[in-house]
PDB file of N, CA and C in Angstrom:
ATOM      1  N   MET A   1     -14.347  11.082  -7.498  1.00  0.00           N
ATOM      2  CA  MET A   1     -13.639  10.027  -7.717  1.00  0.00           C
ATOM      3  C   MET A   1     -12.410  10.531  -8.262  1.00  0.00           C
ATOM      4  N   ALA A   2     -12.146  11.893  -8.999  1.00  0.00           N
ATOM      5  CA  ALA A   2     -10.844  12.107  -9.817  1.00  0.00           C
ATOM      6  C   ALA A   2      -9.908  12.221  -8.454  1.00  0.00           C
ATOM      7  N   ALA A   3     -10.257  12.401  -7.628  1.00  0.00           N
ATOM      8  CA  ALA A   3      -8.576  12.531  -6.845  1.00  0.00           C
ATOM      9  C   ALA A   3      -8.442  11.475  -6.319  1.00  0.00           C
ATOM     10  N   ASN A   4      -9.321  10.024  -6.359  1.00  0.00           N
ATOM     11  CA  ASN A   4      -8.937   8.490  -5.972  1.00  0.00           C
ATOM     12  C   ASN A   4      -8.242   8.036  -7.273  1.00  0.00           C
ATOM     13  N   HIS A   5      -8.707   8.433  -8.775  1.00  0.00           N
ATOM     14  CA  HIS A   5      -8.256   8.092  -9.535  1.00  0.00           C
ATOM     15  C   HIS A   5      -6.607   8.408  -9.730  1.00  0.00           C
ATOM     16  N   GLU A   6      -6.527   9.979  -9.266  1.00  0.00           N
ATOM     17  CA  GLU A   6      -5.413  10.409  -9.303  1.00  0.00           C
ATOM     18  C   GLU A   6      -4.355   9.540  -8.362  1.00  0.00           C
ATOM     19  N   GLY A   7      -4.789   9.664  -7.312  1.00  0.00           N
ATOM     20  CA  GLY A   7      -4.019   8.900  -6.018  1.00  0.00           C
ATOM     21  C   GLY A   7      -3.881   7.274  -6.381  1.00  0.00           C
ATOM     22  N   ARG A   8      -4.713   6.732  -7.244  1.00  0.00           N
ATOM     23  CA  ARG A   8      -4.221   5.505  -7.360  1.00  0.00           C
ATOM     24  C   ARG A   8      -3.021   5.642  -8.793  1.00  0.00           C
ATOM     25  N   LEU A   9      -3.338   6.440  -9.555  1.00  0.00           N
ATOM     26  CA  LEU A   9      -2.130   6.309 -10.233  1.00  0.00           C
ATOM     27  C   LEU A   9      -0.890   6.714  -9.842  1.00  0.00           C
ATOM     28  N   PHE A  10      -0.375   7.699  -8.644  1.00  0.00           N
ATOM     29  CA  PHE A  10       0.711   8.300  -7.950  1.00  0.00           C
ATOM     30  C   PHE A  10       1.061   6.820  -7.533  1.00  0.00           C
ATOM     31  N   LEU A  11      -0.006   5.842  -6.959  1.00  0.00           N
ATOM     32  CA  LEU A  11       0.427   4.808  -5.956  1.00  0.00           C
ATOM     33  C   LEU A  11       1.235   3.891  -7.059  1.00  0.00           C
ATOM     34  N   TYR A  12       0.480   3.670  -7.908  1.00  0.00           N
ATOM     35  CA  TYR A  12       0.750   2.438  -8.996  1.00  0.00           C
ATOM     36  C   TYR A  12       2.097   2.884  -9.598  1.00  0.00           C
ATOM     37  N   ARG A  13       2.712   4.200  -9.581  1.00  0.00           N
ATOM     38  CA  ARG A  13       3.731   4.305 -10.092  1.00  0.00           C
ATOM     39  C   ARG A  13       5.045   4.621  -9.013  1.00  0.00           C
ATOM     40  N   GLU A  14       4.831   4.671  -8.072  1.00  0.00           N
ATOM     41  CA  GLU A  14       5.438   4.661  -6.846  1.00  0.00           C
ATOM     42  C   GLU A  14       5.501   2.836  -6.680  1.00  0.00           C
ATOM     43  N   PHE A  15       4.774   2.297  -6.469  1.00  0.00           N
ATOM     44  CA  PHE A  15       5.093   1.018  -6.318  1.00  0.00           C
ATOM     45  C   PHE A  15       5.864   0.347  -7.066  1.00  0.00           C
ATOM     46  N   GLU A  16       5.569   0.589  -8.371  1.00  0.00           N
ATOM     47  CA  GLU A  16       6.382   0.212  -9.534  1.00  0.00           C
ATOM     48  C   GLU A  16       8.088   0.358  -9.418  1.00  0.00           C
ATOM     49  N   ARG A  17       8.164   1.773  -9.058  1.00  0.00           N
ATOM     50  CA  ARG A  17       9.175   2.103  -8.787  1.00  0.00           C
ATOM     51  C   ARG A  17      10.191   1.154  -7.847  1.00  0.00           C
ATOM     52  N   LEU A  18       9.068   0.903  -6.587  1.00  0.00           N
ATOM     53  CA  LEU A  18       9.775   0.238  -5.235  1.00  0.00           C
ATOM     54  C   LEU A  18       9.719  -1.316  -6.065  1.00  0.00           C
ATOM     55  N   GLY A  19       9.495  -1.919  -6.937  1.00  0.00           N
ATOM     56  CA  GLY A  19       9.328  -3.177  -7.317  1.00  0.00           C
ATOM     57  C   GLY A  19       8.042  -3.931  -6.678  1.00  0.00           C
ATOM     58  N   LEU A  20       7.396  -3.009  -6.432  1.00  0.00           N
ATOM     59  CA  LEU A  20       6.397  -3.999  -5.639  1.00  0.00           C
ATOM     60  C   LEU A  20       4.987  -4.296  -6.583  1.00  0.00           C
ATOM     61  N   GLN A  21       4.730  -5.787  -6.541  1.00  0.00           N
ATOM     62  CA  GLN A  21       3.646  -5.880  -7.374  1.00  0.00           C
ATOM     63  C   GLN A  21       2.013  -5.515  -6.887  1.00  0.00           C
ATOM     64  N   TYR A  22       1.225  -5.147  -7.617  1.00  0.00           N
ATOM     65  CA  TYR A  22       0.020  -4.680  -7.238  1.00  0.00           C
ATOM     66  C   TYR A  22      -0.972  -5.168  -7.856  1.00  0.00           C
ATOM     67  N   VAL A  23      -2.197  -5.265  -7.485  1.00  0.00           N
ATOM     68  CA  VAL A  23      -3.540  -5.508  -8.451  1.00  0.00           C
ATOM     69  C   VAL A  23      -4.213  -4.167  -8.791  1.00  0.00           C
ATOM     70  N   GLU A  24      -4.399  -3.859  -9.894  1.00  0.00           N
ATOM     71  CA  GLU A  24      -5.246  -2.626 -10.369  1.00  0.00           C
ATOM     72  C   GLU A  24      -6.055  -2.551 -10.036  1.00  0.00           C
ATOM     73  N   SER A  25      -6.901  -1.382  -9.716  1.00  0.00           N
ATOM     74  CA  SER A  25      -7.984  -1.558  -8.980  1.00  0.00           C
ATOM     75  C   SER A  25      -9.122  -0.160  -9.519  1.00  0.00           C
ATOM     76  N   HIS A  26     -10.331  -0.212  -9.525  1.00  0.00           N
ATOM     77  CA  HIS A  26     -11.379   0.568  -9.767  1.00  0.00           C
ATOM     78  C   HIS A  26     -11.664   1.191  -8.235  1.00  0.00           C
ATOM     79  N   ALA A  27     -11.679   0.397  -7.229  1.00  0.00           N
ATOM     80  CA  ALA A  27     -11.951   0.981  -5.767  1.00  0.00           C
ATOM     81  C   ALA A  27     -11.046   2.227  -5.264  1.00  0.00           C
ATOM     82  N   ASN A  28     -11.145   2.176  -3.922  1.00  0.00           N
ATOM     83  CA  ASN A  28     -10.132   3.560  -3.352  1.00  0.00           C
ATOM     84  C   ASN A  28      -9.281   2.469  -2.579  1.00  0.00           C
ATOM     85  N   PHE A  29      -8.861   1.100  -2.783  1.00  0.00           N
ATOM     86  CA  PHE A  29      -7.630   0.692  -2.392  1.00  0.00           C
ATOM     87  C   PHE A  29      -6.938  -0.271  -3.177  1.00  0.00           C
ATOM     88  N   ILE A  30      -5.949  -0.517  -2.609  1.00  0.00           N
ATOM     89  CA  ILE A  30      -5.097  -1.545  -3.999  1.00  0.00           C
ATOM     90  C   ILE A  30      -4.253  -2.762  -2.929  1.00  0.00           C
ATOM     91  N   LEU A  31      -4.628  -3.625  -3.813  1.00  0.00           N
ATOM     92  CA  LEU A  31      -3.912  -4.958  -2.975  1.00  0.00           C
ATOM     93  C   LEU A  31      -2.147  -4.672  -3.638  1.00  0.00           C
ATOM     94  N   VAL A  32      -1.692  -4.978  -2.719  1.00  0.00           N
ATOM     95  CA  VAL A  32      -0.206  -4.934  -2.893  1.00  0.00           C
ATOM     96  C   VAL A  32       0.615  -6.136  -2.354  1.00  0.00           C
ATOM     97  N   GLU A  33       1.989  -6.624  -3.179  1.00  0.00           N
ATOM     98  CA  GLU A  33       2.230  -8.091  -2.687  1.00  0.00           C
ATOM     99  C   GLU A  33       3.380  -7.289  -1.563  1.00  0.00           C
ATOM    100  N   ILE A  34       3.395  -7.635  -0.731  1.00  0.00           N
ATOM    101  CA  ILE A  34       4.932  -7.346   0.126  1.00  0.00           C
ATOM    102  C   ILE A  34       5.889  -8.511   0.148  1.00  0.00           C
ATOM    103  N   GLY A  35       5.225  -9.640   0.257  1.00  0.00           N
ATOM    104  CA  GLY A  35       6.317 -10.755   0.681  1.00  0.00           C
ATOM    105  C   GLY A  35       6.069 -11.554   2.107  1.00  0.00           C
ATOM    106  N   PRO A  36       6.979 -12.222   2.310  1.00  0.00           N
ATOM    107  CA  PRO A  36       6.665 -12.666   3.335  1.00  0.00           C
ATOM    108  C   PRO A  36       7.286 -12.284   4.569  1.00  0.00           C
ATOM    109  N   GLN A  37       7.735 -10.830   4.807  1.00  0.00           N
ATOM    110  CA  GLN A  37       7.975  -9.735   5.471  1.00  0.00           C
ATOM    111  C   GLN A  37       6.746  -9.312   5.930  1.00  0.00           C
ATOM    112  N   VAL A  38       5.327  -9.579   5.633  1.00  0.00           N
ATOM    113  CA  VAL A  38       4.249  -8.652   5.445  1.00  0.00           C
ATOM    114  C   VAL A  38       3.638  -8.181   7.045  1.00  0.00           C
ATOM    115  N   ALA A  39       3.923  -9.093   7.512  1.00  0.00           N
ATOM    116  CA  ALA A  39       3.138  -8.829   9.144  1.00  0.00           C
ATOM    117  C   ALA A  39       4.095  -7.807   9.814  1.00  0.00           C
ATOM    118  N   THR A  40       5.909  -7.752   9.588  1.00  0.00           N
ATOM    119  CA  THR A  40       6.529  -6.847   9.909  1.00  0.00           C
ATOM    120  C   THR A  40       6.085  -5.443   9.428  1.00  0.00           C
ATOM    121  N   VAL A  41       5.763  -5.412   8.228  1.00  0.00           N
ATOM    122  CA  VAL A  41       5.660  -4.158   7.632  1.00  0.00           C
ATOM    123  C   VAL A  41       4.571  -3.483   7.751  1.00  0.00           C
ATOM    124  N   GLN A  42       3.520  -4.818   7.998  1.00  0.00           N
ATOM    125  CA  GLN A  42       2.096  -4.104   8.844  1.00  0.00           C
ATOM    126  C   GLN A  42       2.330  -2.897   9.861  1.00  0.00           C
ATOM    127  N   GLN A  43       3.001  -3.869  10.743  1.00  0.00           N
ATOM    128  CA  GLN A  43       3.393  -3.741  12.411  1.00  0.00           C
ATOM    129  C   GLN A  43       3.982  -2.306  11.871  1.00  0.00           C
ATOM    130  N   ARG A  44       5.186  -2.063  11.133  1.00  0.00           N
ATOM    131  CA  ARG A  44       6.068  -1.030  11.693  1.00  0.00           C
ATOM    132  C   ARG A  44       5.272   0.481  11.074  1.00  0.00           C
ATOM    133  N   LEU A  45       4.364  -0.038   9.935  1.00  0.00           N
ATOM    134  CA  LEU A  45       3.544   1.160   9.359  1.00  0.00           C
ATOM    135  C   LEU A  45       2.688   1.734  10.501  1.00  0.00           C
ATOM    136  N   LEU A  46       2.162   0.948  11.172  1.00  0.00           N
ATOM    137  CA  LEU A  46       0.902   1.207  12.254  1.00  0.00           C
ATOM    138  C   LEU A  46       2.048   1.800  13.128  1.00  0.00           C
ATOM    139  N   GLU A  47       3.041   1.462  13.643  1.00  0.00           N
ATOM    140  CA  GLU A  47       3.912   2.094  14.662  1.00  0.00           C
ATOM    141  C   GLU A  47       3.778   3.895  14.022  1.00  0.00           C
ATOM    142  N   LYS A  48       3.971   3.781  12.514  1.00  0.00           N
ATOM    143  CA  LYS A  48       4.322   5.379  11.907  1.00  0.00           C
ATOM    144  C   LYS A  48       2.545   5.811  12.025  1.00  0.00           C
ATOM    145  N   GLY A  49       1.509   5.040  12.371  1.00  0.00           N
ATOM    146  CA  GLY A  49       0.092   5.808  12.211  1.00  0.00           C
ATOM    147  C   GLY A  49      -0.161   5.715  11.037  1.00  0.00           C
ATOM    148  N   ILE A  50       0.460   4.713  10.315  1.00  0.00           N
ATOM    149  CA  ILE A  50      -0.132   4.407   9.123  1.00  0.00           C
ATOM    150  C   ILE A  50      -0.831   3.034   9.005  1.00  0.00           C
ATOM    151  N   ILE A  51      -2.611   2.938   8.806  1.00  0.00           N
ATOM    152  CA  ILE A  51      -3.201   1.967   8.865  1.00  0.00           C
ATOM    153  C   ILE A  51      -3.414   1.290   7.376  1.00  0.00           C
ATOM    154  N   VAL A  52      -3.227  -0.136   7.490  1.00  0.00           N
ATOM    155  CA  VAL A  52      -3.194  -0.628   6.271  1.00  0.00           C
ATOM    156  C   VAL A  52      -3.742  -2.481   6.682  1.00  0.00           C
ATOM    157  N   ARG A  53      -4.364  -2.718   5.420  1.00  0.00           N
ATOM    158  CA  ARG A  53      -5.060  -4.335   6.275  1.00  0.00           C
ATOM    159  C   ARG A  53      -4.301  -5.504   5.548  1.00  0.00           C
ATOM    160  N   PRO A  54      -4.064  -6.508   6.652  1.00  0.00           N
ATOM    161  CA  PRO A  54      -3.536  -7.814   6.044  1.00  0.00           C
ATOM    162  C   PRO A  54      -4.840  -8.519   5.084  1.00  0.00           C
ATOM    163  N   CYS A  55      -4.040  -9.425   4.317  1.00  0.00           N
ATOM    164  CA  CYS A  55      -5.323 -10.010   3.486  1.00  0.00           C
ATOM    165  C   CYS A  55      -5.224 -11.593   3.694  1.00  0.00           C
ATOM    166  N   ALA A  56      -4.376 -12.061   4.997  1.00  0.00           N
ATOM    167  CA  ALA A  56      -4.133 -13.247   5.007  1.00  0.00           C
ATOM    168  C   ALA A  56      -5.488 -14.036   5.048  1.00  0.00           C
ATOM    169  N   GLY A  57      -6.783 -13.429   5.644  1.00  0.00           N
ATOM    170  CA  GLY A  57      -7.767 -14.007   5.472  1.00  0.00           C
ATOM    171  C   GLY A  57      -8.702 -14.176   4.534  1.00  0.00           C
ATOM    172  N   TYR A  58      -8.345 -13.637   3.327  1.00  0.00           N
ATOM    173  CA  TYR A  58      -8.821 -13.801   1.879  1.00  0.00           C
ATOM    174  C   TYR A  58      -7.804 -14.852   0.951  1.00  0.00           C
ATOM    175  N   ASP A  59      -6.933 -15.589   2.004  1.00  0.00           N
ATOM    176  CA  ASP A  59      -5.746 -16.324   1.197  1.00  0.00           C
ATOM    177  C   ASP A  59      -5.106 -15.525   0.503  1.00  0.00           C
ATOM    178  N   LEU A  60      -4.387 -14.795   1.128  1.00  0.00           N
ATOM    179  CA  LEU A  60      -3.695 -14.061   0.347  1.00  0.00           C
ATOM    180  C   LEU A  60      -2.449 -13.434   1.257  1.00  0.00           C
ATOM    181  N   PRO A  61      -1.787 -14.239   1.754  1.00  0.00           N
ATOM    182  CA  PRO A  61      -1.018 -13.853   2.939  1.00  0.00           C
ATOM    183  C   PRO A  61       0.055 -12.969   3.006  1.00  0.00           C
ATOM    184  N   ASN A  62       0.674 -12.889   1.917  1.00  0.00           N
ATOM    185  CA  ASN A  62       1.653 -12.111   1.555  1.00  0.00           C
ATOM    186  C   ASN A  62       1.421 -10.335   1.023  1.00  0.00           C
ATOM    187  N   ARG A  63      -0.107  -9.997   0.974  1.00  0.00           N
ATOM    188  CA  ARG A  63      -0.370  -8.671   0.657  1.00  0.00           C
ATOM    189  C   ARG A  63      -1.071  -7.992   1.537  1.00  0.00           C
ATOM    190  N   LEU A  64      -1.218  -6.535   1.519  1.00  0.00           N
ATOM    191  CA  LEU A  64      -1.700  -5.826   2.501  1.00  0.00           C
ATOM    192  C   LEU A  64      -2.946  -4.815   1.199  1.00  0.00           C
ATOM    193  N   ARG A  65      -3.864  -4.409   2.030  1.00  0.00           N
ATOM    194  CA  ARG A  65      -4.489  -3.867   1.467  1.00  0.00           C
ATOM    195  C   ARG A  65      -4.377  -2.335   1.705  1.00  0.00           C
ATOM    196  N   ILE A  66      -3.996  -1.474   0.648  1.00  0.00           N
ATOM    197  CA  ILE A  66      -3.815  -0.310   1.028  1.00  0.00           C
ATOM    198  C   ILE A  66      -4.639   0.859  -0.058  1.00  0.00           C
ATOM    199  N   THR A  67      -5.256   1.457   1.276  1.00  0.00           N
ATOM    200  CA  THR A  67      -6.381   2.892   0.968  1.00  0.00           C
ATOM    201  C   THR A  67      -5.595   3.772   0.329  1.00  0.00           C
ATOM    202  N   VAL A  68      -6.232   4.405  -1.028  1.00  0.00           N
ATOM    203  CA  VAL A  68      -6.034   5.574  -1.585  1.00  0.00           C
ATOM    204  C   VAL A  68      -6.180   6.866  -0.612  1.00  0.00           C
ATOM    205  N   GLY A  69      -5.293   7.538  -0.298  1.00  0.00           N
ATOM    206  CA  GLY A  69      -5.243   8.695   0.703  1.00  0.00           C
ATOM    207  C   GLY A  69      -5.461   9.767  -0.126  1.00  0.00           C
ATOM    208  N   SER A  70      -4.940  11.046   0.552  1.00  0.00           N
ATOM    209  CA  SER A  70      -4.849  12.271   0.111  1.00  0.00           C
ATOM    210  C   SER A  70      -3.734  12.440  -0.719  1.00  0.00           C
ATOM    211  N   PRO A  71      -3.193  13.171  -1.513  1.00  0.00           N
ATOM    212  CA  PRO A  71      -1.654  13.255  -1.693  1.00  0.00           C
ATOM    213  C   PRO A  71      -0.796  13.374  -0.535  1.00  0.00           C
ATOM    214  N   ALA A  72      -0.690  13.978   0.298  1.00  0.00           N
ATOM    215  CA  ALA A  72       0.246  14.084   1.549  1.00  0.00           C
ATOM    216  C   ALA A  72       0.092  12.677   2.130  1.00  0.00           C
ATOM    217  N   GLN A  73      -1.022  12.124   1.976  1.00  0.00           N
ATOM    218  CA  GLN A  73      -1.457  10.412   3.086  1.00  0.00           C
ATOM    219  C   GLN A  73      -0.253   9.404   2.201  1.00  0.00           C
ATOM    220  N   ASN A  74      -0.682   9.657   0.739  1.00  0.00           N
ATOM    221  CA  ASN A  74      -0.020   8.840  -0.284  1.00  0.00           C
ATOM    222  C   ASN A  74       1.565   8.711  -0.004  1.00  0.00           C
ATOM    223  N   ALA A  75       2.088  10.188  -0.207  1.00  0.00           N
ATOM    224  CA  ALA A  75       3.508  10.391   0.153  1.00  0.00           C
ATOM    225  C   ALA A  75       4.211   9.843   1.067  1.00  0.00           C
ATOM    226  N   ARG A  76       3.577  10.277   2.589  1.00  0.00           N
ATOM    227  CA  ARG A  76       3.820   9.735   3.282  1.00  0.00           C
ATOM    228  C   ARG A  76       3.996   8.045   3.587  1.00  0.00           C
ATOM    229  N   LEU A  77       2.772   7.366   3.190  1.00  0.00           N
ATOM    230  CA  LEU A  77       2.835   6.051   3.182  1.00  0.00           C
ATOM    231  C   LEU A  77       3.941   5.389   1.808  1.00  0.00           C
ATOM    232  N   ILE A  78       4.531   5.874   1.018  1.00  0.00           N
ATOM    233  CA  ILE A  78       5.413   5.785   0.170  1.00  0.00           C
ATOM    234  C   ILE A  78       6.954   6.228   0.871  1.00  0.00           C
ATOM    235  N   GLU A  79       6.627   6.945   1.245  1.00  0.00           N
ATOM    236  CA  GLU A  79       8.067   7.257   2.580  1.00  0.00           C
ATOM    237  C   GLU A  79       8.524   6.078   3.398  1.00  0.00           C
ATOM    238  N   ALA A  80       7.387   5.726   4.021  1.00  0.00           N
ATOM    239  CA  ALA A  80       7.666   4.526   4.734  1.00  0.00           C
ATOM    240  C   ALA A  80       8.029   3.341   4.241  1.00  0.00           C
ATOM    241  N   LEU A  81       7.392   3.219   3.144  1.00  0.00           N
ATOM    242  CA  LEU A  81       7.700   1.415   2.441  1.00  0.00           C
ATOM    243  C   LEU A  81       9.116   1.932   2.230  1.00  0.00           C
ATOM    244  N   GLU A  82       9.353   3.247   1.768  1.00  0.00           N
ATOM    245  CA  GLU A  82      11.008   3.276   1.257  1.00  0.00           C
ATOM    246  C   GLU A  82      11.990   3.166   2.431  1.00  0.00           C
ATOM    247  N   ASP A  83      11.553   3.279   3.359  1.00  0.00           N
ATOM    248  CA  ASP A  83      12.601   3.251   4.458  1.00  0.00           C
ATOM    249  C   ASP A  83      12.662   1.554   4.778  1.00  0.00           C
ATOM    250  N   MET A  84      11.651   1.223   4.472  1.00  0.00           N
ATOM    251  CA  MET A  84      11.288  -0.375   5.438  1.00  0.00           C
ATOM    252  C   MET A  84      11.886  -1.485   3.878  1.00  0.00           C
ATOM    253  N   LEU A  85      11.738  -1.170   3.041  1.00  0.00           N
ATOM    254  CA  LEU A  85      12.046  -1.924   1.965  1.00  0.00           C
ATOM    255  C   LEU A  85      13.696  -2.034   1.594  1.00  0.00           C
TER     256      LEU A  85
END
């Protein structure tokens, strides 16, 4: 639980730095507003081996569900998002 909490805090800070809106969570995932290019971002992350879930099926078409990972995985996700956005 502590690792998940620290991972969420790291991701929150990084999403804010990148200008991405998100929904704070008590779970092991965060909903992040990506915008209309969400499908492209999801596909490009997948091509880099980073799996995120689209939320269009939940009537949240511009959001991704991003799981909190290890510190290295979280950093890799942020690096990839920086390159794309």
